[in-house]
């Protein structure tokens, strides 16, 4: 039986920008990057993310008395579009 692991995927979004996404072992999207000019820049960012994620501290800015800010409408569409490309 093969052990499933999370992985990164390179993709092109609907505006022809190169991005990467981090997928959990079950295939759910954990993170989506900003745009990159080329694969080398995306690969460098993935390397930096790998280095940082293992040692990064959690900064909790959550306040129970503050309401969440509504996301920009375009962001939700962009993430849906990325998920449709799988």
C-alpha atoms as a PDB file:
ATOM      1  CA  UNK A   1       0.000   0.000   0.000  1.00  0.00           C
ATOM      2  CA  UNK A   2       1.440   3.353  -1.061  1.00  0.00           C
ATOM      3  CA  UNK A   3       1.541   6.175   1.462  1.00  0.00           C
ATOM      4  CA  UNK A   4      -0.042   9.334   0.114  1.00  0.00           C
ATOM      5  CA  UNK A   5       1.777  12.576   0.819  1.00  0.00           C
ATOM      6  CA  UNK A   6       1.007  16.208   0.179  1.00  0.00           C
ATOM      7  CA  UNK A   7       2.576  17.823  -2.861  1.00  0.00           C
ATOM      8  CA  UNK A   8       2.987  21.025  -4.836  1.00  0.00           C
ATOM      9  CA  UNK A   9       1.500  21.550  -8.286  1.00  0.00           C
ATOM     10  CA  UNK A  10       2.487  24.200 -10.822  1.00  0.00           C
ATOM     11  CA  UNK A  11      -0.375  25.598 -12.859  1.00  0.00           C
ATOM     12  CA  UNK A  12      -1.441  28.495 -15.025  1.00  0.00           C
ATOM     13  CA  UNK A  13      -4.398  30.542 -13.800  1.00  0.00           C
ATOM     14  CA  UNK A  14      -7.141  32.062 -15.961  1.00  0.00           C
ATOM     15  CA  UNK A  15      -5.008  35.181 -16.512  1.00  0.00           C
ATOM     16  CA  UNK A  16      -2.043  33.093 -17.770  1.00  0.00           C
ATOM     17  CA  UNK A  17      -0.016  33.629 -14.585  1.00  0.00           C
ATOM     18  CA  UNK A  18       2.160  30.805 -13.253  1.00  0.00           C
ATOM     19  CA  UNK A  19       1.192  29.792  -9.696  1.00  0.00           C
ATOM     20  CA  UNK A  20       1.667  26.833  -7.408  1.00  0.00           C
ATOM     21  CA  UNK A  21      -0.670  25.202  -4.981  1.00  0.00           C
ATOM     22  CA  UNK A  22       0.034  22.958  -2.028  1.00  0.00           C
ATOM     23  CA  UNK A  23      -2.245  19.930  -1.809  1.00  0.00           C
ATOM     24  CA  UNK A  24      -2.883  17.737   1.229  1.00  0.00           C
ATOM     25  CA  UNK A  25      -2.632  13.944   0.908  1.00  0.00           C
ATOM     26  CA  UNK A  26      -6.405  13.808   0.302  1.00  0.00           C
ATOM     27  CA  UNK A  27      -6.095  16.291  -2.599  1.00  0.00           C
ATOM     28  CA  UNK A  28      -7.609  19.283  -0.829  1.00  0.00           C
ATOM     29  CA  UNK A  29      -5.941  22.632  -1.527  1.00  0.00           C
ATOM     30  CA  UNK A  30      -4.034  23.949   1.497  1.00  0.00           C
ATOM     31  CA  UNK A  31      -2.435  27.024  -0.082  1.00  0.00           C
ATOM     32  CA  UNK A  32      -2.288  28.898  -3.375  1.00  0.00           C
ATOM     33  CA  UNK A  33       0.637  31.134  -4.276  1.00  0.00           C
ATOM     34  CA  UNK A  34       0.712  34.532  -5.832  1.00  0.00           C
ATOM     35  CA  UNK A  35       1.764  34.895  -9.478  1.00  0.00           C
ATOM     36  CA  UNK A  36       5.300  34.207 -10.746  1.00  0.00           C
ATOM     37  CA  UNK A  37       7.091  35.198 -13.944  1.00  0.00           C
ATOM     38  CA  UNK A  38       8.629  31.777 -14.565  1.00  0.00           C
ATOM     39  CA  UNK A  39       9.070  28.253 -13.208  1.00  0.00           C
ATOM     40  CA  UNK A  40      12.425  29.076 -11.642  1.00  0.00           C
ATOM     41  CA  UNK A  41      10.892  31.813  -9.499  1.00  0.00           C
ATOM     42  CA  UNK A  42       8.031  29.503  -8.473  1.00  0.00           C
ATOM     43  CA  UNK A  43      10.502  26.715  -7.613  1.00  0.00           C
ATOM     44  CA  UNK A  44      12.576  29.127  -5.506  1.00  0.00           C
ATOM     45  CA  UNK A  45       9.441  30.182  -3.611  1.00  0.00           C
ATOM     46  CA  UNK A  46       8.515  26.535  -2.986  1.00  0.00           C
ATOM     47  CA  UNK A  47      12.004  25.905  -1.599  1.00  0.00           C
ATOM     48  CA  UNK A  48      11.688  28.943   0.661  1.00  0.00           C
ATOM     49  CA  UNK A  49       8.234  27.822   1.807  1.00  0.00           C
ATOM     50  CA  UNK A  50       9.533  24.343   2.647  1.00  0.00           C
ATOM     51  CA  UNK A  51      12.377  25.835   4.704  1.00  0.00           C
ATOM     52  CA  UNK A  52      10.145  28.311   6.515  1.00  0.00           C
ATOM     53  CA  UNK A  53       7.098  26.113   7.170  1.00  0.00           C
ATOM     54  CA  UNK A  54       8.976  23.603   9.295  1.00  0.00           C
ATOM     55  CA  UNK A  55      10.323  26.220  11.668  1.00  0.00           C
ATOM     56  CA  UNK A  56       7.869  29.106  11.364  1.00  0.00           C
ATOM     57  CA  UNK A  57       6.126  30.356  14.464  1.00  0.00           C
ATOM     58  CA  UNK A  58       2.377  30.861  14.675  1.00  0.00           C
ATOM     59  CA  UNK A  59       1.323  34.469  15.244  1.00  0.00           C
ATOM     60  CA  UNK A  60      -2.270  34.497  16.438  1.00  0.00           C
ATOM     61  CA  UNK A  61      -4.062  37.716  15.501  1.00  0.00           C
ATOM     62  CA  UNK A  62      -7.524  36.309  16.146  1.00  0.00           C
ATOM     63  CA  UNK A  63      -9.807  38.429  18.309  1.00  0.00           C
ATOM     64  CA  UNK A  64     -13.191  37.170  19.410  1.00  0.00           C
ATOM     65  CA  UNK A  65     -14.681  40.688  19.326  1.00  0.00           C
ATOM     66  CA  UNK A  66     -13.601  41.468  15.766  1.00  0.00           C
ATOM     67  CA  UNK A  67     -15.619  40.480  12.725  1.00  0.00           C
ATOM     68  CA  UNK A  68     -13.959  38.904   9.741  1.00  0.00           C
ATOM     69  CA  UNK A  69     -13.203  41.101   6.749  1.00  0.00           C
ATOM     70  CA  UNK A  70     -15.106  40.100   3.625  1.00  0.00           C
ATOM     71  CA  UNK A  71     -12.759  38.773   0.938  1.00  0.00           C
ATOM     72  CA  UNK A  72     -12.560  40.529  -2.388  1.00  0.00           C
ATOM     73  CA  UNK A  73     -15.068  38.955  -4.802  1.00  0.00           C
ATOM     74  CA  UNK A  74     -12.373  38.317  -7.437  1.00  0.00           C
ATOM     75  CA  UNK A  75     -10.310  36.180  -5.031  1.00  0.00           C
ATOM     76  CA  UNK A  76     -13.090  33.649  -4.506  1.00  0.00           C
ATOM     77  CA  UNK A  77     -13.578  33.309  -8.258  1.00  0.00           C
ATOM     78  CA  UNK A  78      -9.841  32.965  -8.809  1.00  0.00           C
ATOM     79  CA  UNK A  79      -9.534  30.150  -6.275  1.00  0.00           C
ATOM     80  CA  UNK A  80     -12.584  28.386  -7.727  1.00  0.00           C
ATOM     81  CA  UNK A  81     -11.027  28.653 -11.184  1.00  0.00           C
ATOM     82  CA  UNK A  82      -7.803  27.108  -9.887  1.00  0.00           C
ATOM     83  CA  UNK A  83      -9.715  24.208  -8.369  1.00  0.00           C
ATOM     84  CA  UNK A  84     -11.588  23.642 -11.646  1.00  0.00           C
ATOM     85  CA  UNK A  85      -8.284  23.088 -13.463  1.00  0.00           C
ATOM     86  CA  UNK A  86      -7.413  19.959 -11.454  1.00  0.00           C
END
